[in-house]
């Protein structure tokens, strides 16, 4: 049966990684994206065709480019191309790829270049050395057309109580996972260390990885001078790493354009299905810290639409900013990470492979495409944004999909899920629901962030309890939190958010 000429197909991918010692010679994020874009076209065997792309779409970054796609298009000779720029989210690459694939399937586009990149490593080094760096922002350009806006991650009240960054939320979620599994501190440490060692093993084979130093479970979870405790139970070797100069690019076209360009068939990888669903952006509104209806709905609908059972998928790439993200995703998909023999990542995850902020999944997608070319079959990619709040899945394959490309929004189904009503003014007795203890650069505990559930109307259920947040710097309380699992135990919260056990 002949292929529909409008079928979207990925024909070129590329990654670029710089590791310069002198930041004054470092390339800019724009230059990395241009390099990746040209390399993706070469990867497709279609050198010179970049000038004819219809759109240059960029994953938003922590930089000040007004319309980076226009600057990339100018460098590629694609002056007629339209441009697009996403907001900041770990889901942006997968959702943007879904958007471009949908437009190709609808006949609106024939060829699209998607890219993203950051230069955190060289910029950070430049600040430390007080060295000037080159800048190539074109201030004369009008702001780019936006695809999806910014990411609401927490409320002002949550931020005032200490929920200020992913590096504290995900350890809190980890403590909830530990409690739900009935694990001791040591049992949990060993299990999660073994999980993260598997990610490290994959990263050691990835030439683009930020860290290719082998680490076993004990090395990952044991605090040392080079691997300090950051936010219990996470050491530095369990935290996301954005300290990279990296970019990636993907060339996706219609089958008709791929054939016209003469792209060899063994370069083709088809997007089959894309799904999305968001949990409440505010963690206070979610029923559980260790579960995600958004993941369950978007993940299972992706597999169903592709006509696959999870055990039939050949390659997996689960968003790995922190171990809790991987575990929650696996739980919602019905995947036992402890017994699963397939690698759960294609590139090593954000700790070891590193990731250029919102484009981390752009790097993963490029790696997944390369893996599918080497070992044909199907692949599942999961992207996560915010505090485990935004979710996107993609199913990819070396064979065309049985039906036309599908992009599915699970928002209506998520809206039917129960949520909690915030109670920011609460003070009184509560139950610890999750927590972390932050440490300073010398490995000393400094402060705790505690999520707690207020008393509900039913003593046998917490379904109508509110989740509230508090903290403390009291050393005795910090030591108590670190000594054992305190989730499920009583606490008191004063009107200022001070927690006592």
Protein backbone atom coordinates (compact mmCIF):
# COMPACT_ATOMS: atom_id res chain seq x y z
CA UNK A 1 0.00 0.00 0.00
CA UNK A 2 1.56 3.33 -1.05
CA UNK A 3 2.35 5.89 1.61
CA UNK A 4 0.22 9.01 1.89
CA UNK A 5 2.53 11.73 0.53
CA UNK A 6 1.43 13.98 3.43
CA UNK A 7 2.74 11.56 6.07
CA UNK A 8 5.24 13.38 8.32
CA UNK A 9 8.67 11.79 8.64
CA UNK A 10 11.85 12.76 10.47
CA UNK A 11 14.69 12.60 7.96
CA UNK A 12 17.54 14.43 9.68
CA UNK A 13 18.78 14.94 13.23
CA UNK A 14 21.91 16.40 14.77
CA UNK A 15 23.41 17.30 18.11
CA UNK A 16 26.20 19.75 18.85
CA UNK A 17 28.21 19.85 22.07
CA UNK A 18 30.99 22.33 22.88
CA UNK A 19 33.43 22.02 25.78
CA UNK A 20 35.69 25.06 25.44
CA UNK A 21 38.04 26.08 28.25
CA UNK A 22 38.28 29.73 27.24
CA UNK A 23 34.76 31.22 27.41
CA UNK A 24 35.82 34.23 25.35
CA UNK A 25 36.10 31.87 22.36
CA UNK A 26 32.83 30.06 23.05
CA UNK A 27 30.12 29.95 20.43
CA UNK A 28 26.74 31.49 21.14
CA UNK A 29 23.50 29.55 21.49
CA UNK A 30 22.47 30.85 18.06
CA UNK A 31 25.68 29.57 16.47
CA UNK A 32 25.17 26.14 18.03
CA UNK A 33 21.61 26.01 16.69
CA UNK A 34 22.76 27.03 13.20
CA UNK A 35 25.45 24.34 13.31
CA UNK A 36 22.93 21.72 14.46
CA UNK A 37 20.47 22.74 11.74
CA UNK A 38 23.02 22.46 8.96
CA UNK A 39 24.18 19.14 10.36
CA UNK A 40 20.62 17.79 10.48
CA UNK A 41 20.19 18.57 6.79
CA UNK A 42 23.49 16.85 6.03
CA UNK A 43 22.37 13.89 8.14
CA UNK A 44 19.37 13.56 5.84
CA UNK A 45 21.65 13.46 2.82
CA UNK A 46 20.00 16.62 1.55
CA UNK A 47 22.73 19.23 1.85
CA UNK A 48 21.63 22.55 0.38
CA UNK A 49 17.93 21.94 0.91
CA UNK A 50 17.84 24.01 4.11
CA UNK A 51 17.07 27.10 2.06
CA UNK A 52 13.71 25.61 1.07
CA UNK A 53 12.30 24.80 4.52
CA UNK A 54 8.90 26.30 5.20
CA UNK A 55 9.38 27.04 8.89
CA UNK A 56 12.20 27.39 11.40
CA UNK A 57 10.82 26.58 14.85
CA UNK A 58 12.88 27.16 18.00
CA UNK A 59 12.47 25.78 21.49
CA UNK A 60 12.55 28.73 23.89
CA UNK A 61 15.68 29.28 25.96
CA UNK A 62 17.25 31.29 28.74
CA UNK A 63 18.57 33.89 26.35
CA UNK A 64 17.36 37.20 24.94
CA UNK A 65 16.92 36.45 21.22
CA UNK A 66 13.77 38.16 19.99
CA UNK A 67 13.25 35.87 16.99
CA UNK A 68 16.04 33.29 16.91
CA UNK A 69 14.34 31.39 14.12
CA UNK A 70 14.63 34.44 11.87
CA UNK A 71 18.35 34.70 12.59
CA UNK A 72 18.83 30.97 11.95
CA UNK A 73 16.79 31.19 8.74
CA UNK A 74 18.94 34.08 7.56
CA UNK A 75 22.11 32.09 8.15
CA UNK A 76 20.67 29.11 6.26
CA UNK A 77 19.46 31.15 3.30
CA UNK A 78 15.84 30.33 4.14
CA UNK A 79 14.60 33.91 4.03
CA UNK A 80 11.09 32.87 2.97
CA UNK A 81 10.59 30.57 5.96
CA UNK A 82 8.19 31.51 8.73
CA UNK A 83 9.36 31.24 12.33
CA UNK A 84 8.01 30.07 15.66
CA UNK A 85 9.26 30.24 19.25
CA UNK A 86 8.02 28.20 22.21
CA UNK A 87 7.72 29.12 25.85
CA UNK A 88 9.92 27.53 28.51
CA UNK A 89 9.04 23.94 29.38
CA UNK A 90 10.63 20.52 29.26
CA UNK A 91 7.68 19.45 27.12
CA UNK A 92 8.34 22.08 24.43
CA UNK A 93 10.37 19.94 21.98
CA UNK A 94 7.87 17.07 21.94
CA UNK A 95 4.85 19.37 21.72
CA UNK A 96 6.48 21.48 19.02
CA UNK A 97 7.34 18.38 16.98
CA UNK A 98 3.71 17.28 17.30
CA UNK A 99 2.53 20.69 16.09
CA UNK A 100 4.82 20.64 13.07
CA UNK A 101 3.86 17.05 12.22
CA UNK A 102 0.18 17.95 12.41
CA UNK A 103 0.68 20.83 10.00
CA UNK A 104 2.63 18.63 7.59
CA UNK A 105 -0.11 15.98 7.68
CA UNK A 106 -2.68 18.71 6.96
CA UNK A 107 -0.76 19.89 3.90
CA UNK A 108 0.22 23.24 5.44
CA UNK A 109 3.96 22.52 5.44
CA UNK A 110 6.37 20.38 3.46
CA UNK A 111 9.55 20.81 5.49
CA UNK A 112 10.24 22.11 8.99
CA UNK A 113 13.40 22.60 11.00
CA UNK A 114 13.07 22.40 14.79
CA UNK A 115 15.96 23.32 17.04
CA UNK A 116 17.01 24.49 20.47
CA UNK A 117 20.17 25.14 22.42
CA UNK A 118 21.85 26.80 25.39
CA UNK A 119 25.36 27.84 26.41
CA UNK A 120 25.09 27.64 30.20
CA UNK A 121 28.53 26.09 30.64
CA UNK A 122 30.58 28.76 28.88
CA UNK A 123 28.46 31.63 30.21
CA UNK A 124 28.82 30.36 33.77
CA UNK A 125 32.56 29.99 33.30
CA UNK A 126 32.76 33.51 31.86
CA UNK A 127 31.04 34.96 34.93
CA UNK A 128 33.39 33.07 37.23
CA UNK A 129 36.45 34.32 35.33
CA UNK A 130 34.98 37.79 34.69
CA UNK A 131 35.46 37.33 30.95
CA UNK A 132 33.42 39.09 28.27
CA UNK A 133 31.53 36.88 25.83
CA UNK A 134 30.28 37.54 22.32
CA UNK A 135 26.63 38.41 21.84
CA UNK A 136 24.66 38.13 18.63
CA UNK A 137 21.13 39.23 19.50
CA UNK A 138 19.45 41.15 16.68
CA UNK A 139 17.53 43.82 18.58
CA UNK A 140 15.95 45.12 15.37
CA UNK A 141 13.75 42.05 14.96
CA UNK A 142 10.14 41.98 16.06
CA UNK A 143 9.29 39.31 18.65
CA UNK A 144 8.68 35.89 17.14
CA UNK A 145 5.27 34.32 16.87
CA UNK A 146 4.80 32.21 19.98
CA UNK A 147 3.80 28.57 20.28
CA UNK A 148 2.51 27.96 23.79
CA UNK A 149 3.29 30.42 26.52
CA UNK A 150 5.27 30.31 29.71
CA UNK A 151 4.96 27.71 32.39
CA UNK A 152 3.03 28.31 35.61
CA UNK A 153 4.86 26.15 38.13
CA UNK A 154 3.64 27.35 41.52
CA UNK A 155 1.58 30.00 43.27
CA UNK A 156 3.03 33.05 45.02
CA UNK A 157 2.04 31.45 48.34
CA UNK A 158 3.92 28.23 47.53
CA UNK A 159 6.95 30.25 46.53
CA UNK A 160 6.79 32.23 49.77
CA UNK A 161 6.94 28.95 51.70
CA UNK A 162 10.02 27.71 49.84
CA UNK A 163 8.72 25.90 46.75
CA UNK A 164 10.99 27.89 44.47
CA UNK A 165 12.72 25.46 42.10
CA UNK A 166 12.62 21.93 40.72
CA UNK A 167 15.59 21.04 42.91
CA UNK A 168 13.36 21.11 45.99
CA UNK A 169 10.07 19.85 44.55
CA UNK A 170 11.37 16.60 43.08
CA UNK A 171 13.10 15.51 46.32
CA UNK A 172 9.81 16.16 48.14
CA UNK A 173 8.06 13.91 45.61
CA UNK A 174 10.81 11.33 46.15
CA UNK A 175 10.02 11.16 49.86
CA UNK A 176 6.35 10.53 49.01
CA UNK A 177 7.39 7.71 46.66
CA UNK A 178 9.55 6.18 49.39
CA UNK A 179 6.69 6.27 51.87
CA UNK A 180 4.16 4.83 49.41
CA UNK A 181 6.51 1.89 48.81
CA UNK A 182 7.02 1.32 52.53
CA UNK A 183 10.79 1.61 52.24
CA UNK A 184 13.32 2.52 54.89
CA UNK A 185 15.82 5.28 54.17
CA UNK A 186 18.51 2.70 53.36
CA UNK A 187 16.27 0.47 51.23
CA UNK A 188 15.18 3.46 49.23
CA UNK A 189 18.73 4.75 48.82
CA UNK A 190 19.93 1.42 47.44
CA UNK A 191 17.02 1.03 45.03
CA UNK A 192 17.14 4.55 43.59
CA UNK A 193 20.92 4.43 43.42
CA UNK A 194 20.69 1.27 41.32
CA UNK A 195 18.13 2.95 39.05
CA UNK A 196 20.34 6.01 38.49
CA UNK A 197 23.41 3.84 37.91
CA UNK A 198 21.62 2.43 34.87
CA UNK A 199 21.22 5.96 33.50
CA UNK A 200 24.89 6.61 34.15
CA UNK A 201 25.83 3.46 32.23
CA UNK A 202 23.98 4.73 29.16
CA UNK A 203 25.54 8.20 29.46
CA UNK A 204 29.01 6.67 29.49
CA UNK A 205 28.37 5.49 25.91
CA UNK A 206 27.00 8.87 24.76
CA UNK A 207 29.66 11.09 23.15
CA UNK A 208 27.53 14.18 23.87
CA UNK A 209 27.07 13.43 27.59
CA UNK A 210 28.20 16.08 30.06
CA UNK A 211 29.56 13.39 32.38
CA UNK A 212 30.88 10.06 31.19
CA UNK A 213 32.51 9.05 34.46
CA UNK A 214 31.25 5.60 35.54
CA UNK A 215 29.36 5.65 38.85
CA UNK A 216 27.77 2.72 40.64
CA UNK A 217 24.79 2.98 42.98
CA UNK A 218 26.95 3.50 46.05
CA UNK A 219 28.96 6.28 44.45
CA UNK A 220 25.80 8.04 43.28
CA UNK A 221 24.03 8.04 46.65
CA UNK A 222 26.99 8.52 49.02
CA UNK A 223 27.73 12.17 49.89
CA UNK A 224 31.37 13.11 49.29
CA UNK A 225 33.32 16.27 48.63
CA UNK A 226 32.58 16.04 44.91
CA UNK A 227 29.10 14.63 45.33
CA UNK A 228 27.59 16.56 48.19
CA UNK A 229 24.09 16.14 49.50
CA UNK A 230 22.00 18.87 47.87
CA UNK A 231 18.38 18.24 48.87
CA UNK A 232 17.81 14.97 50.71
CA UNK A 233 17.59 12.30 49.52
CA UNK A 234 19.32 13.68 46.41
CA UNK A 235 23.05 14.10 46.09
CA UNK A 236 24.57 16.15 43.31
CA UNK A 237 24.71 12.97 41.19
CA UNK A 238 20.92 12.75 41.34
CA UNK A 239 20.15 16.31 40.28
CA UNK A 240 19.43 17.72 36.82
CA UNK A 241 22.47 19.24 35.12
CA UNK A 242 21.96 22.20 32.77
CA UNK A 243 25.64 23.18 32.83
CA UNK A 244 26.20 22.41 29.14
CA UNK A 245 26.79 24.09 25.80
CA UNK A 246 24.51 21.95 23.64
CA UNK A 247 22.05 22.21 20.78
CA UNK A 248 20.04 19.87 18.61
CA UNK A 249 18.01 20.08 15.43
CA UNK A 250 15.40 17.91 13.73
CA UNK A 251 14.38 18.07 10.07
CA UNK A 252 10.85 16.77 9.58
CA UNK A 253 9.22 16.69 6.16
CA UNK A 254 6.35 15.15 4.27
CA UNK A 255 7.02 11.81 2.60
CA UNK A 256 6.63 13.60 -0.73
CA UNK A 257 9.39 16.08 0.13
CA UNK A 258 11.63 13.33 1.54
CA UNK A 259 11.30 11.41 -1.70
CA UNK A 260 11.92 14.53 -3.78
CA UNK A 261 15.09 15.22 -1.81
CA UNK A 262 16.24 11.65 -2.29
CA UNK A 263 16.57 10.97 1.44
CA UNK A 264 17.58 7.31 1.83
CA UNK A 265 14.79 5.20 3.30
CA UNK A 266 17.01 4.01 6.14
CA UNK A 267 17.12 7.60 7.48
CA UNK A 268 13.35 7.82 7.88
CA UNK A 269 11.73 7.72 11.32
CA UNK A 270 8.00 8.34 11.52
CA UNK A 271 6.14 10.20 14.27
CA UNK A 272 3.17 7.91 14.94
CA UNK A 273 1.32 9.50 17.83
CA UNK A 274 1.75 12.53 20.10
CA UNK A 275 -0.23 13.08 23.28
CA UNK A 276 -0.35 15.72 25.96
CA UNK A 277 -2.04 16.31 29.29
CA UNK A 278 -1.32 18.64 32.20
CA UNK A 279 -1.87 18.12 35.89
CA UNK A 280 -2.63 21.24 37.96
CA UNK A 281 0.37 23.54 37.77
CA UNK A 282 0.22 24.13 41.51
CA UNK A 283 1.38 21.04 43.45
CA UNK A 284 -0.99 22.08 46.25
CA UNK A 285 -3.96 21.24 44.05
CA UNK A 286 -2.88 17.69 43.23
CA UNK A 287 -4.28 14.69 45.05
CA UNK A 288 -0.90 12.97 45.38
CA UNK A 289 2.75 13.97 45.13
CA UNK A 290 3.82 10.52 43.95
CA UNK A 291 1.19 10.00 41.26
CA UNK A 292 0.16 11.79 38.04
CA UNK A 293 -3.18 11.43 36.25
CA UNK A 294 -1.70 13.53 33.44
CA UNK A 295 1.05 10.99 32.80
CA UNK A 296 -1.35 8.07 33.03
CA UNK A 297 -3.86 9.60 30.63
CA UNK A 298 -1.36 10.87 28.06
CA UNK A 299 0.90 7.83 28.26
CA UNK A 300 -1.76 5.16 27.99
CA UNK A 301 -3.60 7.05 25.24
CA UNK A 302 -0.36 7.27 23.22
CA UNK A 303 0.16 3.52 23.42
CA UNK A 304 -3.50 2.81 22.66
CA UNK A 305 -3.56 5.10 19.62
CA UNK A 306 -0.39 3.47 18.31
CA UNK A 307 -1.86 0.01 18.82
CA UNK A 308 0.97 -1.01 21.14
CA UNK A 309 1.37 -2.59 24.53
CA UNK A 310 4.22 -1.12 26.54
CA UNK A 311 6.18 -4.36 26.40
CA UNK A 312 6.06 -4.19 22.59
CA UNK A 313 7.94 -0.87 22.47
CA UNK A 314 11.58 -1.42 21.54
CA UNK A 315 13.14 1.77 22.90
CA UNK A 316 12.19 3.90 25.91
CA UNK A 317 13.22 7.42 26.85
CA UNK A 318 11.64 8.64 30.09
CA UNK A 319 12.30 12.24 31.07
CA UNK A 320 15.00 12.01 33.71
CA UNK A 321 15.52 15.37 35.36
CA UNK A 322 15.38 13.64 38.75
CA UNK A 323 14.74 10.03 39.80
CA UNK A 324 11.21 10.83 40.99
CA UNK A 325 10.16 11.89 37.48
CA UNK A 326 11.20 8.51 36.07
CA UNK A 327 9.52 6.57 38.87
CA UNK A 328 6.20 8.39 38.69
CA UNK A 329 6.09 7.96 34.91
CA UNK A 330 6.90 4.26 35.21
CA UNK A 331 4.22 3.75 37.86
CA UNK A 332 1.55 5.39 35.73
CA UNK A 333 2.54 3.30 32.71
CA UNK A 334 2.56 0.08 34.75
CA UNK A 335 6.30 -0.35 34.28
CA UNK A 336 8.42 -1.96 37.01
CA UNK A 337 11.68 -0.04 36.80
CA UNK A 338 13.47 -2.48 39.07
CA UNK A 339 12.89 -5.51 36.84
CA UNK A 340 12.73 -3.79 33.44
CA UNK A 341 15.57 -4.96 31.21
CA UNK A 342 15.23 -2.30 28.51
CA UNK A 343 17.21 0.90 29.07
CA UNK A 344 14.88 3.65 30.32
CA UNK A 345 16.90 6.35 28.54
CA UNK A 346 18.58 6.73 25.18
CA UNK A 347 21.15 9.34 26.18
CA UNK A 348 21.64 9.00 29.96
CA UNK A 349 19.19 11.54 31.35
CA UNK A 350 19.71 15.08 32.59
CA UNK A 351 22.09 14.27 35.43
CA UNK A 352 24.72 12.58 33.29
CA UNK A 353 23.97 13.52 29.68
CA UNK A 354 23.08 17.02 30.79
CA UNK A 355 20.43 19.07 29.10
CA UNK A 356 20.10 22.54 27.56
CA UNK A 357 17.14 23.53 29.74
CA UNK A 358 13.87 23.37 27.78
CA UNK A 359 15.55 21.62 24.86
CA UNK A 360 16.67 18.59 26.87
CA UNK A 361 14.07 16.46 25.11
CA UNK A 362 15.32 17.85 21.80
CA UNK A 363 18.61 16.10 22.56
CA UNK A 364 16.76 12.95 23.63
CA UNK A 365 14.68 12.92 20.45
CA UNK A 366 17.76 13.23 18.26
CA UNK A 367 19.34 10.34 20.16
CA UNK A 368 16.17 8.24 19.92
CA UNK A 369 16.01 8.74 16.16
CA UNK A 370 19.61 7.60 15.87
CA UNK A 371 18.88 4.58 18.03
CA UNK A 372 15.88 3.62 15.91
CA UNK A 373 18.00 3.80 12.78
CA UNK A 374 20.53 1.45 14.37
CA UNK A 375 17.96 -0.95 15.84
CA UNK A 376 14.71 -0.54 13.87
CA UNK A 377 11.38 -0.73 15.65
CA UNK A 378 9.36 1.61 17.84
CA UNK A 379 10.27 4.12 20.51
CA UNK A 380 8.40 5.90 23.30
CA UNK A 381 9.54 9.32 24.46
CA UNK A 382 8.19 11.06 27.58
CA UNK A 383 8.65 14.78 28.27
CA UNK A 384 7.90 16.54 31.55
CA UNK A 385 7.68 20.22 32.39
CA UNK A 386 7.45 22.24 35.59
CA UNK A 387 6.99 20.50 38.92
CA UNK A 388 5.87 17.26 37.27
CA UNK A 389 2.92 19.24 35.93
CA UNK A 390 3.14 19.21 32.11
CA UNK A 391 3.35 15.97 30.17
CA UNK A 392 3.86 14.94 26.56
CA UNK A 393 4.47 11.58 24.90
CA UNK A 394 5.61 10.66 21.44
CA UNK A 395 5.56 7.27 19.74
CA UNK A 396 8.05 6.92 16.89
CA UNK A 397 8.85 4.10 14.49
CA UNK A 398 10.92 3.07 11.52
CA UNK A 399 7.78 1.80 9.80
CA UNK A 400 4.96 4.20 8.90
CA UNK A 401 1.98 4.38 11.26
CA UNK A 402 -1.06 2.24 10.52
CA UNK A 403 -3.18 5.41 10.38
CA UNK A 404 -2.41 9.06 9.81
CA UNK A 405 -0.34 10.90 12.41
CA UNK A 406 -2.41 11.56 15.54
CA UNK A 407 -2.02 14.35 18.09
CA UNK A 408 -4.23 13.84 21.14
CA UNK A 409 -4.98 16.30 23.94
CA UNK A 410 -6.03 14.66 27.21
CA UNK A 411 -7.09 17.90 28.93
CA UNK A 412 -10.77 16.92 29.18
CA UNK A 413 -9.95 13.61 30.86
CA UNK A 414 -7.57 15.24 33.33
CA UNK A 415 -10.24 17.81 34.17
CA UNK A 416 -12.40 14.96 35.47
CA UNK A 417 -9.76 13.92 38.01
CA UNK A 418 -10.14 14.93 41.68
CA UNK A 419 -8.03 17.80 42.99
CA UNK A 420 -7.40 19.49 46.33
CA UNK A 421 -8.56 22.93 47.40
CA UNK A 422 -5.65 25.09 48.59
CA UNK A 423 -5.80 26.58 52.10
CA UNK A 424 -2.88 29.04 52.27
CA UNK A 425 -4.05 30.54 55.58
CA UNK A 426 -4.10 27.21 57.42
CA UNK A 427 -2.32 26.90 60.76
CA UNK A 428 -2.50 24.00 63.19
CA UNK A 429 -2.03 20.24 63.35
CA UNK A 430 -1.38 18.43 60.06
CA UNK A 431 0.22 15.29 58.64
CA UNK A 432 3.56 15.29 56.81
CA UNK A 433 2.94 14.46 53.14
CA UNK A 434 6.45 14.88 51.76
CA UNK A 435 9.65 16.77 52.54
CA UNK A 436 13.25 17.50 51.73
CA UNK A 437 16.16 18.95 53.68
CA UNK A 438 18.45 21.28 51.79
CA UNK A 439 22.19 21.27 52.46
CA UNK A 440 24.86 23.91 52.03
CA UNK A 441 28.03 23.54 49.98
CA UNK A 442 29.77 22.02 52.97
CA UNK A 443 27.19 19.26 53.25
CA UNK A 444 25.46 20.66 56.32
CA UNK A 445 21.64 20.65 56.56
CA UNK A 446 20.25 24.18 56.45
CA UNK A 447 16.49 24.17 55.90
CA UNK A 448 13.54 21.92 55.24
CA UNK A 449 10.62 22.19 52.85
CA UNK A 450 7.64 20.21 54.10
CA UNK A 451 4.34 19.45 52.39
CA UNK A 452 1.54 18.56 54.80
CA UNK A 453 -2.12 17.59 54.64
CA UNK A 454 -4.65 19.36 56.81
CA UNK A 455 -7.29 17.43 58.78
CA UNK A 456 -10.15 16.27 56.57
CA UNK A 457 -13.80 15.68 57.35
CA UNK A 458 -13.31 11.90 57.26
CA UNK A 459 -10.80 10.37 59.65
CA UNK A 460 -10.40 7.38 57.31
CA UNK A 461 -9.59 9.42 54.20
CA UNK A 462 -7.60 12.52 53.29
CA UNK A 463 -9.46 13.12 50.04
CA UNK A 464 -10.80 16.51 51.15
CA UNK A 465 -7.66 17.61 52.98
CA UNK A 466 -5.69 20.59 51.71
CA UNK A 467 -1.98 20.42 50.98
CA UNK A 468 -0.05 23.15 52.76
CA UNK A 469 3.63 24.02 52.85
CA UNK A 470 6.03 24.97 55.58
CA UNK A 471 9.63 24.74 56.61
CA UNK A 472 12.18 25.11 59.35
CA UNK A 473 15.85 25.81 59.94
CA UNK A 474 15.86 24.24 63.42
CA UNK A 475 18.79 21.80 63.45
CA UNK A 476 17.14 19.28 65.76
CA UNK A 477 14.08 19.12 63.49
CA UNK A 478 16.27 18.80 60.40
CA UNK A 479 18.13 15.89 61.99
CA UNK A 480 14.83 14.21 62.85
CA UNK A 481 13.64 14.53 59.26
CA UNK A 482 16.89 13.02 58.00
CA UNK A 483 17.00 10.13 60.48
CA UNK A 484 13.99 8.25 59.10
CA UNK A 485 10.84 8.42 57.01
CA UNK A 486 8.64 11.12 58.58
CA UNK A 487 5.92 11.09 55.90
CA UNK A 488 2.59 10.21 57.51
CA UNK A 489 3.61 11.56 60.90
CA UNK A 490 1.99 14.52 62.69
CA UNK A 491 3.36 18.04 62.54
CA UNK A 492 2.28 21.55 63.46
CA UNK A 493 2.26 24.56 61.18
CA UNK A 494 2.19 28.10 62.54
CA UNK A 495 0.69 31.06 60.61
CA UNK A 496 4.10 32.02 59.20
CA UNK A 497 4.74 28.54 57.80
CA UNK A 498 7.09 27.33 60.52
CA UNK A 499 6.88 23.54 60.87
CA UNK A 500 7.47 21.64 64.09
CA UNK A 501 7.30 17.89 64.63
